[in-house]
Amino acid sequence: MKPVAKQNRLSRHARPCRRGGFTLVEIILVLALVVLVATLLIPGANSMLRAMAGDEPDRMFWDSVVAAREQALTGNRMVELRFDKTKRQLFWGDSAARQHRELPAGVRVQFLQPLAGSSILLGGQLVETQEASLLRFYADGTCDAVRVQILRSGAPAQALAIDPWTCAPVLTVRK
């Protein structure tokens, strides 16, 4: 009798065993959310990675401008930024140190300074310009008043305006 009583006592307290896991509906919902988030993030991530790669000519130019201005400020002397047409490179530096950055094939850079020649709108005023060979950065953080054109083969010219007081890009409205 004892074994029977023991068996009855265990069967009263025993609960049905439930296996842990996910249902099919839960799995489908998680997959749908992952697909939705990926659809929203992939285009933004591509443009962010492209910008971080720095292979766009305008981005490469602005990186060179920042480096040249920083060199002028830290060295407390004038630094020149030039474009070598044969090597397709931007060179900047002074007599103590020179650096360079190579641009992609088919890209040219023109510096347009306010001189006798064609007219441009610079800082809200119409001024005469002519192509210059270099852009100077001074020890006080300023630079020459110029507009830069980035010319790519098979694409329209891209004009970049530089604020002479901060050497930063002048914001333009794109249509």
Foldseek 3Di string as FASTA:
>chain_A
DVVVVVVVVVVVPDDDDDDDDDDPVVVVVVVVVVVVVCVVCVVVVVVVVVLVVQQDVVSVVVVVLVVQLVQQQVVQAKKKWFADPVQQKIWMDDPVDIDIDHHDPQKDKWKWAQDAACWDQFPNDIGHIDTDGIKMHHNVQFIGFTKMWIGGPPDDIDIWGADRRHRDTDDDDDD
